[in-house]
Amino acid sequence: MAFRVAKAPITTALVEADLEDAYGPNLLATKACPVVVRMIDGLEYLLVFKHPLAGYQLVKGTIELAERPAHAAVRELAEESGICNARAVRDLGSWNAGYEQQIWSFQLCEVAESLPHQWRFNTDDDGGHVFEFFWHPLSADFPTPCHRLFQAAWAQIRNRLYATNADTHKPLQILTAAHRSTQKPT
């Protein structure tokens, strides 16, 4: 019998079973993607950034050996954006990206502090780059130019968030009060 990953809000446990979630079989993820959402005037925005050489992207990175996807998502968020006080609050499932054998784990994360509308962060990635972060409307297409992988990931995230409240076609029933800000970002 194969071991597969069972999802819990923060932890991941190995179980002996062929489990499935709403998006198909649970897959052993190779990439972690923190999903950070902000509500502004009743609209949902997700955190994205512009890479100086590769266009628009979502934060994501490799899950290290024996690392839990939730931990990897929080670590990657800190490394790529400078956000150090986040925590993973919900596993949104895994996705076979069909690209370089990548299997992404989407982790809904919340941040303890109010974040600005946009900021720059000097990252150590690829020898050092300045990433430009901003909030992008969930209802809009992913910004371009970007790799097609991020457009597909954006669609996956949007579908997973909207699926949480399919009856009303409004996303994010799963968000906590911390995400439900009606104030304009600073």
Protein backbone atom coordinates (compact mmCIF):
# COMPACT_ATOMS: atom_id res chain seq x y z
CA MET A 1 0.00 0.00 0.00
CA ALA A 2 1.31 3.47 -0.87
CA PHE A 3 1.78 6.19 1.70
CA ARG A 4 0.02 9.43 0.93
CA VAL A 5 -0.28 12.75 2.69
CA ALA A 6 -3.32 13.54 4.84
CA LYS A 7 -4.06 17.20 5.28
CA ALA A 8 -4.61 19.01 8.56
CA PRO A 9 -4.84 22.78 9.11
CA ILE A 10 -1.16 23.15 9.95
CA THR A 11 0.38 19.69 10.13
CA THR A 12 0.84 16.95 7.59
CA ALA A 13 0.75 13.28 8.56
CA LEU A 14 1.51 10.14 6.59
CA VAL A 15 -1.29 7.62 6.47
CA GLU A 16 -1.75 4.27 4.78
CA ALA A 17 -4.60 4.98 2.37
CA ASP A 18 -5.54 6.25 -1.05
CA LEU A 19 -6.98 9.59 0.04
CA GLU A 20 -8.47 12.19 -2.24
CA ASP A 21 -9.39 15.79 -1.68
CA ALA A 22 -11.73 17.94 -3.75
CA TYR A 23 -8.99 18.38 -6.36
CA GLY A 24 -8.03 14.72 -6.82
CA PRO A 25 -5.42 12.45 -5.25
CA ASN A 26 -3.20 13.92 -2.57
CA LEU A 27 0.26 14.31 -4.03
CA LEU A 28 3.61 14.64 -2.34
CA ALA A 29 4.36 18.28 -3.00
CA THR A 30 7.72 19.56 -4.23
CA LYS A 31 6.87 23.29 -4.14
CA ALA A 32 5.14 25.39 -1.49
CA CYS A 33 3.06 28.40 -2.46
CA PRO A 34 1.83 30.68 0.34
CA VAL A 35 -1.51 32.28 -0.52
CA VAL A 36 -1.86 35.62 1.27
CA VAL A 37 -5.25 37.30 0.84
CA ARG A 38 -6.43 40.78 1.73
CA MET A 39 -10.00 42.08 1.60
CA ILE A 40 -10.37 45.71 0.49
CA ASP A 41 -13.85 47.21 0.22
CA GLY A 42 -15.35 43.74 -0.10
CA LEU A 43 -12.99 42.61 -2.88
CA GLU A 44 -10.32 39.93 -2.54
CA TYR A 45 -6.68 40.66 -3.39
CA LEU A 46 -3.76 38.24 -3.45
CA LEU A 47 -0.12 39.04 -2.84
CA VAL A 48 2.01 38.87 -6.01
CA PHE A 49 5.34 40.33 -7.05
CA LYS A 50 7.32 41.44 -10.05
CA HIS A 51 10.66 39.69 -10.56
CA PRO A 52 13.16 42.05 -12.24
CA LEU A 53 14.06 39.48 -14.91
CA ALA A 54 11.19 36.98 -15.05
CA GLY A 55 8.02 39.08 -14.86
CA TYR A 56 5.12 38.64 -12.45
CA GLN A 57 5.08 35.72 -10.04
CA LEU A 58 3.56 34.19 -6.95
CA VAL A 59 5.78 33.40 -3.99
CA LYS A 60 6.77 29.74 -4.19
CA GLY A 61 9.77 27.60 -3.48
CA THR A 62 11.13 24.13 -3.00
CA ILE A 63 10.01 22.09 -0.03
CA GLU A 64 13.15 20.88 1.73
CA LEU A 65 13.72 17.26 2.74
CA ALA A 66 11.41 16.29 5.65
CA GLU A 67 9.86 19.78 5.69
CA ARG A 68 6.10 20.14 5.96
CA PRO A 69 4.42 22.11 3.15
CA ALA A 70 2.92 24.59 5.64
CA HIS A 71 6.35 25.29 7.14
CA ALA A 72 7.90 25.62 3.68
CA ALA A 73 5.22 28.12 2.64
CA VAL A 74 5.87 30.32 5.67
CA ARG A 75 9.65 30.04 5.17
CA GLU A 76 9.42 30.93 1.47
CA LEU A 77 7.18 33.90 2.27
CA ALA A 78 9.82 35.23 4.67
CA GLU A 79 12.72 34.58 2.29
CA GLU A 80 11.10 36.15 -0.77
CA SER A 81 8.99 38.96 0.73
CA GLY A 82 10.42 39.75 4.15
CA ILE A 83 7.12 38.84 5.85
CA CYS A 84 8.32 37.10 9.00
CA ASN A 85 5.18 36.88 11.13
CA ALA A 86 2.95 34.70 8.96
CA ARG A 87 1.40 31.37 9.72
CA ALA A 88 -0.27 28.78 7.54
CA VAL A 89 -3.93 28.45 8.50
CA ARG A 90 -5.37 26.14 5.83
CA ASP A 91 -4.09 23.61 3.34
CA LEU A 92 -5.73 24.38 -0.01
CA GLY A 93 -4.52 21.15 -1.60
CA SER A 94 -1.87 20.14 -4.08
CA TRP A 95 -1.62 20.62 -7.83
CA ASN A 96 0.41 18.80 -10.46
CA ALA A 97 1.75 21.74 -12.47
CA GLY A 98 2.73 19.62 -15.47
CA TYR A 99 6.03 21.48 -15.55
CA GLU A 100 9.41 20.05 -14.52
CA GLN A 101 7.63 17.46 -12.34
CA GLN A 102 6.51 20.20 -9.94
CA ILE A 103 3.69 19.47 -7.53
CA TRP A 104 2.59 22.64 -5.73
CA SER A 105 1.11 22.77 -2.25
CA PHE A 106 -1.12 25.83 -1.80
CA GLN A 107 -1.16 27.07 1.80
CA LEU A 108 -3.50 29.84 2.91
CA CYS A 109 -1.42 32.09 5.17
CA GLU A 110 -2.35 34.94 7.44
CA VAL A 111 -0.07 37.71 8.59
CA ALA A 112 -0.22 39.21 12.08
CA GLU A 113 0.51 42.77 10.94
CA SER A 114 -1.00 45.15 8.42
CA LEU A 115 0.96 45.11 5.18
CA PRO A 116 1.50 48.09 2.88
CA HIS A 117 -0.17 48.35 -0.51
CA GLN A 118 3.20 47.78 -2.18
CA TRP A 119 6.83 47.35 -1.15
CA ARG A 120 10.23 46.25 -2.40
CA PHE A 121 12.27 43.46 -0.86
CA ASN A 122 15.92 42.60 -1.46
CA THR A 123 16.05 38.82 -1.68
CA ASP A 124 19.03 36.48 -1.80
CA ASP A 125 17.42 34.46 -4.63
CA ASP A 126 19.68 33.92 -7.65
CA GLY A 127 22.46 36.03 -6.17
CA GLY A 128 20.17 38.85 -5.09
CA HIS A 129 17.21 40.62 -6.65
CA VAL A 130 14.75 43.32 -5.67
CA PHE A 131 11.20 41.97 -5.79
CA GLU A 132 8.32 44.47 -6.06
CA PHE A 133 5.28 43.26 -4.07
CA PHE A 134 1.70 44.43 -4.47
CA TRP A 135 -1.90 43.26 -4.06
CA HIS A 136 -3.64 42.04 -7.22
CA PRO A 137 -7.44 41.53 -7.48
CA LEU A 138 -8.40 37.86 -7.32
CA SER A 139 -11.15 38.48 -9.89
CA ALA A 140 -8.65 39.77 -12.50
CA ASP A 141 -6.37 37.74 -14.73
CA PHE A 142 -2.82 37.24 -13.50
CA PRO A 143 -0.65 40.21 -14.55
CA THR A 144 1.63 39.90 -17.57
CA PRO A 145 4.33 39.37 -18.60
CA CYS A 146 4.64 36.13 -16.68
CA HIS A 147 5.44 32.47 -17.19
CA ARG A 148 2.34 30.44 -18.16
CA LEU A 149 2.90 28.37 -15.01
CA PHE A 150 1.86 31.33 -12.84
CA GLN A 151 -1.29 31.91 -14.91
CA ALA A 152 -2.25 28.27 -14.36
CA ALA A 153 -1.42 28.47 -10.63
CA TRP A 154 -3.53 31.65 -10.34
CA ALA A 155 -6.50 29.80 -11.84
CA GLN A 156 -5.97 26.93 -9.41
CA ILE A 157 -5.87 29.28 -6.42
CA ARG A 158 -8.94 31.17 -7.57
CA ASN A 159 -10.90 27.94 -8.12
CA ARG A 160 -9.91 26.62 -4.70
CA LEU A 161 -10.85 29.82 -2.90
CA TYR A 162 -14.15 30.19 -4.75
CA ALA A 163 -14.95 26.51 -4.15
CA THR A 164 -15.08 27.19 -0.42
CA ASN A 165 -18.40 28.98 -0.87
CA ALA A 166 -19.81 27.64 -4.14
CA ASP A 167 -23.45 28.39 -3.30
CA THR A 168 -22.97 32.16 -3.33
CA HIS A 169 -20.07 32.29 -5.81
CA LYS A 170 -18.22 34.44 -3.32
CA PRO A 171 -14.80 33.26 -2.21
CA LEU A 172 -13.03 33.06 1.04
CA GLN A 173 -15.55 31.80 3.56
CA ILE A 174 -12.43 30.27 5.11
CA LEU A 175 -10.75 33.58 5.86
CA THR A 176 -10.39 34.82 9.38
CA ALA A 177 -11.29 38.29 10.60
CA ALA A 178 -7.68 39.35 10.08
CA HIS A 179 -8.22 39.15 6.31
CA ARG A 180 -11.50 41.03 6.27
CA SER A 181 -10.10 44.53 6.31
CA THR A 182 -12.34 47.20 4.84
CA GLN A 183 -9.58 49.78 5.03
CA LYS A 184 -7.51 50.83 2.07
CA PRO A 185 -3.95 49.44 2.18
CA THR A 186 -1.24 51.82 3.35
